[in-house]
Amino acid sequence: MPIIHDTGGQFVQNANARTDAGWHNRQQPQASGSLELGKYNKVHSVTAGQTFDATGSNAGAAAFIVENVMDAVIETAGGGQITASGSLDQGTLYELGVIRVVSGTSGIVHVLYK
């Protein structure tokens, strides 16, 4: 049988006379490390009762969003801390570097990375 070459995701017949349709038996393309899809490209969600340290491999947190948070404490990268209840609006993006999040008894703090 003849070998039919790839035509960009169309049916392909390889040397073993097997037919591939689309991505079957092929590796999907991967985004390169330099490809940025938006301003923030990674998120870590800290749920109730958790402590998250944005250090080591988690370093570089650039912003956060709070969701139904009661008594979480967010420590900023340059020093200082904010208690979420009463101080922060739910769903608002806060562009402050984060070094640590101590989540409270309820809610989620979404830590964002560039």
PDB file of N, CA and C in Angstrom:
ATOM      1  N   MET A   1       0.839  -1.191   0.000  1.00  0.00           N
ATOM      2  CA  MET A   1       0.000   0.000   0.000  1.00  0.00           C
ATOM      3  C   MET A   1       0.880   1.249   0.000  1.00  0.00           C
ATOM      4  N   PRO A   2       0.454   2.277  -0.677  1.00  0.00           N
ATOM      5  CA  PRO A   2       1.239   3.510  -0.706  1.00  0.00           C
ATOM      6  C   PRO A   2       1.144   4.247   0.628  1.00  0.00           C
ATOM      7  N   ILE A   3       2.162   5.043   0.901  1.00  0.00           N
ATOM      8  CA  ILE A   3       2.179   5.865   2.108  1.00  0.00           C
ATOM      9  C   ILE A   3       1.562   7.207   1.767  1.00  0.00           C
ATOM     10  N   ILE A   4       0.541   7.585   2.514  1.00  0.00           N
ATOM     11  CA  ILE A   4      -0.114   8.870   2.308  1.00  0.00           C
ATOM     12  C   ILE A   4       0.422   9.819   3.376  1.00  0.00           C
ATOM     13  N   HIS A   5       0.934  10.950   2.987  1.00  0.00           N
ATOM     14  CA  HIS A   5       1.555  11.883   3.923  1.00  0.00           C
ATOM     15  C   HIS A   5       0.522  12.754   4.627  1.00  0.00           C
ATOM     16  N   ASP A   6       0.944  13.282   5.786  1.00  0.00           N
ATOM     17  CA  ASP A   6       0.075  14.136   6.606  1.00  0.00           C
ATOM     18  C   ASP A   6      -0.354  15.361   5.818  1.00  0.00           C
ATOM     19  N   THR A   7      -1.621  15.644   5.870  1.00  0.00           N
ATOM     20  CA  THR A   7      -2.153  16.820   5.181  1.00  0.00           C
ATOM     21  C   THR A   7      -2.794  17.775   6.172  1.00  0.00           C
ATOM     22  N   GLY A   8      -2.177  17.911   7.378  1.00  0.00           N
ATOM     23  CA  GLY A   8      -2.671  18.874   8.356  1.00  0.00           C
ATOM     24  C   GLY A   8      -3.885  18.407   9.117  1.00  0.00           C
ATOM     25  N   GLY A   9      -3.842  17.207   9.667  1.00  0.00           N
ATOM     26  CA  GLY A   9      -4.946  16.738  10.485  1.00  0.00           C
ATOM     27  C   GLY A   9      -5.987  15.948   9.725  1.00  0.00           C
ATOM     28  N   GLN A  10      -5.764  15.710   8.434  1.00  0.00           N
ATOM     29  CA  GLN A  10      -6.677  14.899   7.635  1.00  0.00           C
ATOM     30  C   GLN A  10      -6.340  13.430   7.850  1.00  0.00           C
ATOM     31  N   PHE A  11      -7.036  12.552   7.166  1.00  0.00           N
ATOM     32  CA  PHE A  11      -6.735  11.131   7.271  1.00  0.00           C
ATOM     33  C   PHE A  11      -5.338  10.862   6.737  1.00  0.00           C
ATOM     34  N   VAL A  12      -4.582  10.033   7.456  1.00  0.00           N
ATOM     35  CA  VAL A  12      -3.203   9.754   7.087  1.00  0.00           C
ATOM     36  C   VAL A  12      -2.975   8.251   7.153  1.00  0.00           C
ATOM     37  N   GLN A  13      -2.348   7.704   6.151  1.00  0.00           N
ATOM     38  CA  GLN A  13      -2.013   6.288   6.183  1.00  0.00           C
ATOM     39  C   GLN A  13      -0.501   6.187   6.334  1.00  0.00           C
ATOM     40  N   ASN A  14      -0.054   5.452   7.371  1.00  0.00           N
ATOM     41  CA  ASN A  14       1.381   5.364   7.623  1.00  0.00           C
ATOM     42  C   ASN A  14       1.955   4.098   7.005  1.00  0.00           C
ATOM     43  N   ALA A  15       3.240   3.831   7.237  1.00  0.00           N
ATOM     44  CA  ALA A  15       3.947   2.704   6.621  1.00  0.00           C
ATOM     45  C   ALA A  15       3.358   1.356   7.025  1.00  0.00           C
ATOM     46  N   ASN A  16       2.685   1.275   8.148  1.00  0.00           N
ATOM     47  CA  ASN A  16       2.086   0.023   8.604  1.00  0.00           C
ATOM     48  C   ASN A  16       0.668  -0.159   8.075  1.00  0.00           C
ATOM     49  N   ALA A  17       0.281   0.637   7.129  1.00  0.00           N
ATOM     50  CA  ALA A  17      -1.047   0.595   6.517  1.00  0.00           C
ATOM     51  C   ALA A  17      -2.153   0.879   7.521  1.00  0.00           C
ATOM     52  N   ARG A  18      -1.839   1.675   8.543  1.00  0.00           N
ATOM     53  CA  ARG A  18      -2.838   2.089   9.520  1.00  0.00           C
ATOM     54  C   ARG A  18      -3.250   3.515   9.198  1.00  0.00           C
ATOM     55  N   THR A  19      -4.476   3.820   9.396  1.00  0.00           N
ATOM     56  CA  THR A  19      -4.983   5.153   9.082  1.00  0.00           C
ATOM     57  C   THR A  19      -5.227   5.929  10.362  1.00  0.00           C
ATOM     58  N   ASP A  20      -4.650   7.111  10.442  1.00  0.00           N
ATOM     59  CA  ASP A  20      -4.850   8.000  11.574  1.00  0.00           C
ATOM     60  C   ASP A  20      -5.880   9.042  11.188  1.00  0.00           C
ATOM     61  N   ALA A  21      -6.797   9.311  12.066  1.00  0.00           N
ATOM     62  CA  ALA A  21      -7.783  10.360  11.832  1.00  0.00           C
ATOM     63  C   ALA A  21      -7.550  11.458  12.855  1.00  0.00           C
ATOM     64  N   GLY A  22      -7.189  12.619  12.405  1.00  0.00           N
ATOM     65  CA  GLY A  22      -6.958  13.733  13.330  1.00  0.00           C
ATOM     66  C   GLY A  22      -5.729  13.508  14.196  1.00  0.00           C
ATOM     67  N   TRP A  23      -5.904  13.633  15.537  1.00  0.00           N
ATOM     68  CA  TRP A  23      -4.775  13.562  16.462  1.00  0.00           C
ATOM     69  C   TRP A  23      -4.505  12.151  16.958  1.00  0.00           C
ATOM     70  N   HIS A  24      -5.254  11.175  16.513  1.00  0.00           N
ATOM     71  CA  HIS A  24      -5.043   9.797  16.944  1.00  0.00           C
ATOM     72  C   HIS A  24      -3.635   9.338  16.575  1.00  0.00           C
ATOM     73  N   ASN A  25      -2.916   8.777  17.537  1.00  0.00           N
ATOM     74  CA  ASN A  25      -1.543   8.289  17.351  1.00  0.00           C
ATOM     75  C   ASN A  25      -0.556   9.392  17.005  1.00  0.00           C
ATOM     76  N   ARG A  26      -0.902  10.633  17.291  1.00  0.00           N
ATOM     77  CA  ARG A  26       0.014  11.748  17.062  1.00  0.00           C
ATOM     78  C   ARG A  26       0.099  12.573  18.315  1.00  0.00           C
ATOM     79  N   GLN A  27       1.209  13.206  18.528  1.00  0.00           N
ATOM     80  CA  GLN A  27       1.386  14.069  19.687  1.00  0.00           C
ATOM     81  C   GLN A  27       0.791  15.442  19.398  1.00  0.00           C
ATOM     82  N   GLN A  28      -0.033  15.933  20.327  1.00  0.00           N
ATOM     83  CA  GLN A  28      -0.617  17.252  20.138  1.00  0.00           C
ATOM     84  C   GLN A  28       0.445  18.319  20.327  1.00  0.00           C
ATOM     85  N   PRO A  29       0.331  19.434  19.629  1.00  0.00           N
ATOM     86  CA  PRO A  29       1.309  20.508  19.789  1.00  0.00           C
ATOM     87  C   PRO A  29       1.257  21.079  21.198  1.00  0.00           C
ATOM     88  N   GLN A  30       2.401  21.434  21.725  1.00  0.00           N
ATOM     89  CA  GLN A  30       2.508  21.995  23.065  1.00  0.00           C
ATOM     90  C   GLN A  30       2.891  23.465  22.968  1.00  0.00           C
ATOM     91  N   ALA A  31       2.360  24.259  23.883  1.00  0.00           N
ATOM     92  CA  ALA A  31       2.718  25.678  23.920  1.00  0.00           C
ATOM     93  C   ALA A  31       4.152  25.801  24.405  1.00  0.00           C
ATOM     94  N   SER A  32       4.915  26.656  23.789  1.00  0.00           N
ATOM     95  CA  SER A  32       6.298  26.854  24.223  1.00  0.00           C
ATOM     96  C   SER A  32       6.306  27.641  25.516  1.00  0.00           C
ATOM     97  N   GLY A  33       7.415  27.586  26.247  1.00  0.00           N
ATOM     98  CA  GLY A  33       7.529  28.273  27.524  1.00  0.00           C
ATOM     99  C   GLY A  33       7.394  29.780  27.398  1.00  0.00           C
ATOM    100  N   SER A  34       7.643  30.336  26.219  1.00  0.00           N
ATOM    101  CA  SER A  34       7.568  31.781  26.049  1.00  0.00           C
ATOM    102  C   SER A  34       6.187  32.249  25.604  1.00  0.00           C
ATOM    103  N   LEU A  35       5.285  31.317  25.317  1.00  0.00           N
ATOM    104  CA  LEU A  35       3.961  31.690  24.855  1.00  0.00           C
ATOM    105  C   LEU A  35       3.120  32.168  26.032  1.00  0.00           C
ATOM    106  N   GLU A  36       2.630  33.385  25.967  1.00  0.00           N
ATOM    107  CA  GLU A  36       1.785  33.929  27.014  1.00  0.00           C
ATOM    108  C   GLU A  36       0.401  34.146  26.432  1.00  0.00           C
ATOM    109  N   LEU A  37      -0.584  33.580  27.098  1.00  0.00           N
ATOM    110  CA  LEU A  37      -1.942  33.663  26.599  1.00  0.00           C
ATOM    111  C   LEU A  37      -2.710  34.824  27.194  1.00  0.00           C
ATOM    112  N   GLY A  38      -2.250  35.364  28.299  1.00  0.00           N
ATOM    113  CA  GLY A  38      -2.924  36.467  28.956  1.00  0.00           C
ATOM    114  C   GLY A  38      -1.990  37.113  29.950  1.00  0.00           C
ATOM    115  N   LYS A  39      -2.491  38.075  30.687  1.00  0.00           N
ATOM    116  CA  LYS A  39      -1.656  38.756  31.664  1.00  0.00           C
ATOM    117  C   LYS A  39      -1.263  37.815  32.793  1.00  0.00           C
ATOM    118  N   TYR A  40      -2.191  36.969  33.223  1.00  0.00           N
ATOM    119  CA  TYR A  40      -1.925  35.975  34.263  1.00  0.00           C
ATOM    120  C   TYR A  40      -2.153  34.597  33.656  1.00  0.00           C
ATOM    121  N   ASN A  41      -1.180  33.716  33.823  1.00  0.00           N
ATOM    122  CA  ASN A  41      -1.226  32.438  33.126  1.00  0.00           C
ATOM    123  C   ASN A  41      -1.170  31.224  34.038  1.00  0.00           C
ATOM    124  N   LYS A  42      -1.268  31.444  35.331  1.00  0.00           N
ATOM    125  CA  LYS A  42      -1.272  30.333  36.278  1.00  0.00           C
ATOM    126  C   LYS A  42      -2.052  30.780  37.503  1.00  0.00           C
ATOM    127  N   VAL A  43      -2.777  29.850  38.113  1.00  0.00           N
ATOM    128  CA  VAL A  43      -3.539  30.170  39.324  1.00  0.00           C
ATOM    129  C   VAL A  43      -3.367  29.045  40.336  1.00  0.00           C
ATOM    130  N   HIS A  44      -3.269  29.416  41.594  1.00  0.00           N
ATOM    131  CA  HIS A  44      -3.284  28.456  42.699  1.00  0.00           C
ATOM    132  C   HIS A  44      -4.411  28.891  43.629  1.00  0.00           C
ATOM    133  N   SER A  45      -5.372  28.010  43.847  1.00  0.00           N
ATOM    134  CA  SER A  45      -6.526  28.342  44.689  1.00  0.00           C
ATOM    135  C   SER A  45      -6.309  27.802  46.095  1.00  0.00           C
ATOM    136  N   VAL A  46      -6.398  28.695  47.069  1.00  0.00           N
ATOM    137  CA  VAL A  46      -6.220  28.331  48.479  1.00  0.00           C
ATOM    138  C   VAL A  46      -7.602  28.260  49.103  1.00  0.00           C
ATOM    139  N   THR A  47      -8.001  27.062  49.492  1.00  0.00           N
ATOM    140  CA  THR A  47      -9.332  26.858  50.049  1.00  0.00           C
ATOM    141  C   THR A  47      -9.322  26.994  51.570  1.00  0.00           C
ATOM    142  N   ALA A  48     -10.499  27.003  52.156  1.00  0.00           N
ATOM    143  CA  ALA A  48     -10.678  27.209  53.599  1.00  0.00           C
ATOM    144  C   ALA A  48      -9.800  26.269  54.420  1.00  0.00           C
ATOM    145  N   GLY A  49      -9.138  26.843  55.408  1.00  0.00           N
ATOM    146  CA  GLY A  49      -8.318  26.064  56.329  1.00  0.00           C
ATOM    147  C   GLY A  49      -6.911  25.753  55.845  1.00  0.00           C
ATOM    148  N   GLN A  50      -6.524  26.211  54.661  1.00  0.00           N
ATOM    149  CA  GLN A  50      -5.190  25.937  54.124  1.00  0.00           C
ATOM    150  C   GLN A  50      -4.249  27.110  54.332  1.00  0.00           C
ATOM    151  N   THR A  51      -2.959  26.794  54.378  1.00  0.00           N
ATOM    152  CA  THR A  51      -1.907  27.806  54.358  1.00  0.00           C
ATOM    153  C   THR A  51      -1.081  27.556  53.108  1.00  0.00           C
ATOM    154  N   PHE A  52      -0.816  28.616  52.361  1.00  0.00           N
ATOM    155  CA  PHE A  52      -0.051  28.512  51.118  1.00  0.00           C
ATOM    156  C   PHE A  52       1.100  29.491  51.166  1.00  0.00           C
ATOM    157  N   ASP A  53       2.326  28.980  51.003  1.00  0.00           N
ATOM    158  CA  ASP A  53       3.519  29.819  50.935  1.00  0.00           C
ATOM    159  C   ASP A  53       3.959  29.944  49.488  1.00  0.00           C
ATOM    160  N   ALA A  54       3.989  31.162  48.991  1.00  0.00           N
ATOM    161  CA  ALA A  54       4.401  31.428  47.611  1.00  0.00           C
ATOM    162  C   ALA A  54       5.915  31.627  47.579  1.00  0.00           C
ATOM    163  N   THR A  55       6.620  30.561  47.903  1.00  0.00           N
ATOM    164  CA  THR A  55       8.084  30.570  47.930  1.00  0.00           C
ATOM    165  C   THR A  55       8.590  29.370  47.131  1.00  0.00           C
ATOM    166  N   GLY A  56       9.892  29.322  46.898  1.00  0.00           N
ATOM    167  CA  GLY A  56      10.464  28.210  46.142  1.00  0.00           C
ATOM    168  C   GLY A  56       9.851  28.107  44.769  1.00  0.00           C
ATOM    169  N   SER A  57       9.356  26.925  44.403  1.00  0.00           N
ATOM    170  CA  SER A  57       8.751  26.743  43.080  1.00  0.00           C
ATOM    171  C   SER A  57       7.418  27.471  42.948  1.00  0.00           C
ATOM    172  N   ASN A  58       6.848  27.927  44.056  1.00  0.00           N
ATOM    173  CA  ASN A  58       5.594  28.690  44.032  1.00  0.00           C
ATOM    174  C   ASN A  58       5.829  30.204  44.077  1.00  0.00           C
ATOM    175  N   ALA A  59       7.081  30.640  44.025  1.00  0.00           N
ATOM    176  CA  ALA A  59       7.400  32.071  44.091  1.00  0.00           C
ATOM    177  C   ALA A  59       6.924  32.797  42.844  1.00  0.00           C
ATOM    178  N   GLY A  60       6.692  34.074  42.971  1.00  0.00           N
ATOM    179  CA  GLY A  60       6.347  34.911  41.832  1.00  0.00           C
ATOM    180  C   GLY A  60       4.875  35.260  41.710  1.00  0.00           C
ATOM    181  N   ALA A  61       4.110  35.023  42.766  1.00  0.00           N
ATOM    182  CA  ALA A  61       2.684  35.375  42.725  1.00  0.00           C
ATOM    183  C   ALA A  61       2.546  36.884  42.548  1.00  0.00           C
ATOM    184  N   ALA A  62       1.729  37.302  41.585  1.00  0.00           N
ATOM    185  CA  ALA A  62       1.663  38.711  41.213  1.00  0.00           C
ATOM    186  C   ALA A  62       0.337  39.383  41.549  1.00  0.00           C
ATOM    187  N   ALA A  63      -0.679  38.595  41.917  1.00  0.00           N
ATOM    188  CA  ALA A  63      -1.994  39.170  42.197  1.00  0.00           C
ATOM    189  C   ALA A  63      -2.851  38.117  42.891  1.00  0.00           C
ATOM    190  N   PHE A  64      -4.037  38.540  43.339  1.00  0.00           N
ATOM    191  CA  PHE A  64      -4.972  37.592  43.940  1.00  0.00           C
ATOM    192  C   PHE A  64      -6.397  38.094  43.812  1.00  0.00           C
ATOM    193  N   ILE A  65      -7.326  37.156  43.935  1.00  0.00           N
ATOM    194  CA  ILE A  65      -8.759  37.436  43.934  1.00  0.00           C
ATOM    195  C   ILE A  65      -9.354  36.662  45.102  1.00  0.00           C
ATOM    196  N   VAL A  66     -10.247  37.286  45.871  1.00  0.00           N
ATOM    197  CA  VAL A  66     -10.906  36.580  46.974  1.00  0.00           C
ATOM    198  C   VAL A  66     -12.331  36.225  46.579  1.00  0.00           C
ATOM    199  N   GLU A  67     -12.787  35.081  47.095  1.00  0.00           N
ATOM    200  CA  GLU A  67     -14.120  34.587  46.783  1.00  0.00           C
ATOM    201  C   GLU A  67     -14.777  34.100  48.076  1.00  0.00           C
ATOM    202  N   ASN A  68     -15.773  34.837  48.565  1.00  0.00           N
ATOM    203  CA  ASN A  68     -16.516  34.472  49.786  1.00  0.00           C
ATOM    204  C   ASN A  68     -15.607  34.227  50.985  1.00  0.00           C
ATOM    205  N   VAL A  69     -14.604  35.046  51.166  1.00  0.00           N
ATOM    206  CA  VAL A  69     -13.609  34.844  52.221  1.00  0.00           C
ATOM    207  C   VAL A  69     -14.027  35.552  53.499  1.00  0.00           C
ATOM    208  N   MET A  70     -13.864  34.869  54.627  1.00  0.00           N
ATOM    209  CA  MET A  70     -14.214  35.460  55.921  1.00  0.00           C
ATOM    210  C   MET A  70     -12.998  36.069  56.617  1.00  0.00           C
ATOM    211  N   ASP A  71     -12.070  35.235  57.038  1.00  0.00           N
ATOM    212  CA  ASP A  71     -10.981  35.725  57.880  1.00  0.00           C
ATOM    213  C   ASP A  71      -9.599  35.317  57.373  1.00  0.00           C
ATOM    214  N   ALA A  72      -9.416  35.276  56.073  1.00  0.00           N
ATOM    215  CA  ALA A  72      -8.111  34.940  55.497  1.00  0.00           C
ATOM    216  C   ALA A  72      -7.155  36.110  55.665  1.00  0.00           C
ATOM    217  N   VAL A  73      -5.873  35.776  55.754  1.00  0.00           N
ATOM    218  CA  VAL A  73      -4.825  36.786  55.841  1.00  0.00           C
ATOM    219  C   VAL A  73      -3.887  36.599  54.656  1.00  0.00           C
ATOM    220  N   ILE A  74      -3.673  37.682  53.907  1.00  0.00           N
ATOM    221  CA  ILE A  74      -2.773  37.665  52.756  1.00  0.00           C
ATOM    222  C   ILE A  74      -1.555  38.488  53.113  1.00  0.00           C
ATOM    223  N   GLU A  75      -0.377  37.860  53.063  1.00  0.00           N
ATOM    224  CA  GLU A  75       0.874  38.571  53.332  1.00  0.00           C
ATOM    225  C   GLU A  75       1.489  38.954  51.994  1.00  0.00           C
ATOM    226  N   THR A  76       1.837  40.232  51.850  1.00  0.00           N
ATOM    227  CA  THR A  76       2.353  40.722  50.574  1.00  0.00           C
ATOM    228  C   THR A  76       3.859  40.553  50.479  1.00  0.00           C
ATOM    229  N   ALA A  77       4.342  40.477  49.253  1.00  0.00           N
ATOM    230  CA  ALA A  77       5.752  40.204  48.996  1.00  0.00           C
ATOM    231  C   ALA A  77       6.677  41.298  49.530  1.00  0.00           C
ATOM    232  N   GLY A  78       6.205  42.531  49.558  1.00  0.00           N
ATOM    233  CA  GLY A  78       7.035  43.630  50.031  1.00  0.00           C
ATOM    234  C   GLY A  78       6.908  43.905  51.515  1.00  0.00           C
ATOM    235  N   GLY A  79       6.134  43.094  52.210  1.00  0.00           N
ATOM    236  CA  GLY A  79       5.918  43.282  53.649  1.00  0.00           C
ATOM    237  C   GLY A  79       4.509  43.754  53.928  1.00  0.00           C
ATOM    238  N   GLY A  80       4.017  43.402  55.067  1.00  0.00           N
ATOM    239  CA  GLY A  80       2.670  43.770  55.467  1.00  0.00           C
ATOM    240  C   GLY A  80       1.671  42.676  55.160  1.00  0.00           C
ATOM    241  N   GLN A  81       0.487  42.838  55.709  1.00  0.00           N
ATOM    242  CA  GLN A  81      -0.561  41.850  55.488  1.00  0.00           C
ATOM    243  C   GLN A  81      -1.929  42.501  55.465  1.00  0.00           C
ATOM    244  N   ILE A  82      -2.877  41.796  54.868  1.00  0.00           N
ATOM    245  CA  ILE A  82      -4.250  42.273  54.752  1.00  0.00           C
ATOM    246  C   ILE A  82      -5.164  41.160  55.249  1.00  0.00           C
ATOM    247  N   THR A  83      -6.102  41.522  56.112  1.00  0.00           N
ATOM    248  CA  THR A  83      -7.133  40.577  56.512  1.00  0.00           C
ATOM    249  C   THR A  83      -8.305  40.775  55.553  1.00  0.00           C
ATOM    250  N   ALA A  84      -8.707  39.696  54.910  1.00  0.00           N
ATOM    251  CA  ALA A  84      -9.671  39.789  53.811  1.00  0.00           C
ATOM    252  C   ALA A  84     -11.056  40.259  54.244  1.00  0.00           C
ATOM    253  N   SER A  85     -11.562  39.793  55.367  1.00  0.00           N
ATOM    254  CA  SER A  85     -12.936  40.135  55.742  1.00  0.00           C
ATOM    255  C   SER A  85     -13.061  41.628  56.026  1.00  0.00           C
ATOM    256  N   GLY A  86     -13.988  42.252  55.335  1.00  0.00           N
ATOM    257  CA  GLY A  86     -14.234  43.680  55.529  1.00  0.00           C
ATOM    258  C   GLY A  86     -13.289  44.586  54.780  1.00  0.00           C
ATOM    259  N   SER A  87     -12.135  44.084  54.333  1.00  0.00           N
ATOM    260  CA  SER A  87     -11.139  44.915  53.666  1.00  0.00           C
ATOM    261  C   SER A  87     -11.136  44.759  52.153  1.00  0.00           C
ATOM    262  N   LEU A  88     -11.510  43.574  51.678  1.00  0.00           N
ATOM    263  CA  LEU A  88     -11.390  43.275  50.252  1.00  0.00           C
ATOM    264  C   LEU A  88     -12.747  42.921  49.655  1.00  0.00           C
ATOM    265  N   ASP A  89     -12.944  43.343  48.419  1.00  0.00           N
ATOM    266  CA  ASP A  89     -14.197  43.049  47.714  1.00  0.00           C
ATOM    267  C   ASP A  89     -14.075  41.736  46.950  1.00  0.00           C
ATOM    268  N   GLN A  90     -15.102  40.918  47.061  1.00  0.00           N
ATOM    269  CA  GLN A  90     -15.147  39.636  46.368  1.00  0.00           C
ATOM    270  C   GLN A  90     -15.087  39.852  44.866  1.00  0.00           C
ATOM    271  N   GLY A  91     -14.252  39.052  44.189  1.00  0.00           N
ATOM    272  CA  GLY A  91     -14.166  39.092  42.737  1.00  0.00           C
ATOM    273  C   GLY A  91     -13.284  40.186  42.166  1.00  0.00           C
ATOM    274  N   THR A  92     -12.713  41.033  43.008  1.00  0.00           N
ATOM    275  CA  THR A  92     -11.837  42.107  42.541  1.00  0.00           C
ATOM    276  C   THR A  92     -10.414  41.590  42.407  1.00  0.00           C
ATOM    277  N   LEU A  93      -9.740  41.950  41.327  1.00  0.00           N
ATOM    278  CA  LEU A  93      -8.345  41.597  41.126  1.00  0.00           C
ATOM    279  C   LEU A  93      -7.476  42.588  41.889  1.00  0.00           C
ATOM    280  N   TYR A  94      -6.653  42.074  42.798  1.00  0.00           N
ATOM    281  CA  TYR A  94      -5.715  42.901  43.558  1.00  0.00           C
ATOM    282  C   TYR A  94      -4.314  42.583  43.064  1.00  0.00           C
ATOM    283  N   GLU A  95      -3.690  43.568  42.405  1.00  0.00           N
ATOM    284  CA  GLU A  95      -2.360  43.362  41.837  1.00  0.00           C
ATOM    285  C   GLU A  95      -1.290  43.681  42.874  1.00  0.00           C
ATOM    286  N   LEU A  96      -1.195  42.792  43.833  1.00  0.00           N
ATOM    287  CA  LEU A  96      -0.181  42.862  44.880  1.00  0.00           C
ATOM    288  C   LEU A  96       0.559  41.533  44.895  1.00  0.00           C
ATOM    289  N   GLY A  97       1.878  41.578  44.984  1.00  0.00           N
ATOM    290  CA  GLY A  97       2.651  40.351  45.102  1.00  0.00           C
ATOM    291  C   GLY A  97       2.297  39.645  46.404  1.00  0.00           C
ATOM    292  N   VAL A  98       2.191  38.340  46.357  1.00  0.00           N
ATOM    293  CA  VAL A  98       1.784  37.546  47.516  1.00  0.00           C
ATOM    294  C   VAL A  98       2.923  36.629  47.923  1.00  0.00           C
ATOM    295  N   ILE A  99       3.209  36.578  49.217  1.00  0.00           N
ATOM    296  CA  ILE A  99       4.222  35.671  49.737  1.00  0.00           C
ATOM    297  C   ILE A  99       3.583  34.530  50.539  1.00  0.00           C
ATOM    298  N   ARG A 100       2.399  34.814  51.139  1.00  0.00           N
ATOM    299  CA  ARG A 100       1.740  33.784  51.943  1.00  0.00           C
ATOM    300  C   ARG A 100       0.246  34.082  52.053  1.00  0.00           C
ATOM    301  N   VAL A 101      -0.546  33.008  52.056  1.00  0.00           N
ATOM    302  CA  VAL A 101      -1.988  33.117  52.287  1.00  0.00           C
ATOM    303  C   VAL A 101      -2.347  32.132  53.384  1.00  0.00           C
ATOM    304  N   VAL A 102      -2.971  32.643  54.441  1.00  0.00           N
ATOM    305  CA  VAL A 102      -3.520  31.791  55.482  1.00  0.00           C
ATOM    306  C   VAL A 102      -5.030  31.929  55.338  1.00  0.00           C
ATOM    307  N   SER A 103      -5.641  30.893  54.754  1.00  0.00           N
ATOM    308  CA  SER A 103      -7.069  30.951  54.472  1.00  0.00           C
ATOM    309  C   SER A 103      -7.861  30.818  55.761  1.00  0.00           C
ATOM    310  N   GLY A 104      -9.006  31.441  55.765  1.00  0.00           N
ATOM    311  CA  GLY A 104      -9.859  31.424  56.946  1.00  0.00           C
ATOM    312  C   GLY A 104     -10.765  30.217  56.995  1.00  0.00           C
ATOM    313  N   THR A 105     -11.881  30.395  57.668  1.00  0.00           N
ATOM    314  CA  THR A 105     -12.826  29.300  57.871  1.00  0.00           C
ATOM    315  C   THR A 105     -13.739  29.062  56.678  1.00  0.00           C
ATOM    316  N   SER A 106     -13.750  29.990  55.720  1.00  0.00           N
ATOM    317  CA  SER A 106     -14.563  29.798  54.521  1.00  0.00           C
ATOM    318  C   SER A 106     -13.962  30.573  53.365  1.00  0.00           C
ATOM    319  N   GLY A 107     -14.386  30.215  52.165  1.00  0.00           N
ATOM    320  CA  GLY A 107     -13.983  30.941  50.964  1.00  0.00           C
ATOM    321  C   GLY A 107     -12.724  30.411  50.318  1.00  0.00           C
ATOM    322  N   ILE A 108     -12.340  31.105  49.242  1.00  0.00           N
ATOM    323  CA  ILE A 108     -11.171  30.739  48.449  1.00  0.00           C
ATOM    324  C   ILE A 108     -10.390  32.003  48.106  1.00  0.00           C
ATOM    325  N   VAL A 109      -9.075  31.921  48.175  1.00  0.00           N
ATOM    326  CA  VAL A 109      -8.206  32.989  47.687  1.00  0.00           C
ATOM    327  C   VAL A 109      -7.485  32.415  46.463  1.00  0.00           C
ATOM    328  N   HIS A 110      -7.687  33.065  45.306  1.00  0.00           N
ATOM    329  CA  HIS A 110      -7.044  32.628  44.065  1.00  0.00           C
ATOM    330  C   HIS A 110      -5.776  33.460  43.898  1.00  0.00           C
ATOM    331  N   VAL A 111      -4.619  32.804  43.920  1.00  0.00           N
ATOM    332  CA  VAL A 111      -3.329  33.456  43.768  1.00  0.00           C
ATOM    333  C   VAL A 111      -2.928  33.324  42.304  1.00  0.00           C
ATOM    334  N   LEU A 112      -2.608  34.453  41.657  1.00  0.00           N
ATOM    335  CA  LEU A 112      -2.346  34.495  40.225  1.00  0.00           C
ATOM    336  C   LEU A 112      -0.873  34.753  39.924  1.00  0.00           C
ATOM    337  N   TYR A 113      -0.413  34.138  38.853  1.00  0.00           N
ATOM    338  CA  TYR A 113       0.968  34.273  38.408  1.00  0.00           C
ATOM    339  C   TYR A 113       1.016  34.792  36.983  1.00  0.00           C
ATOM    340  N   LYS A 114       2.027  35.585  36.665  1.00  0.00           N
ATOM    341  CA  LYS A 114       2.235  36.073  35.291  1.00  0.00           C
ATOM    342  C   LYS A 114       2.955  35.024  34.496  1.00  0.00           C
TER     343      LYS A 114
END
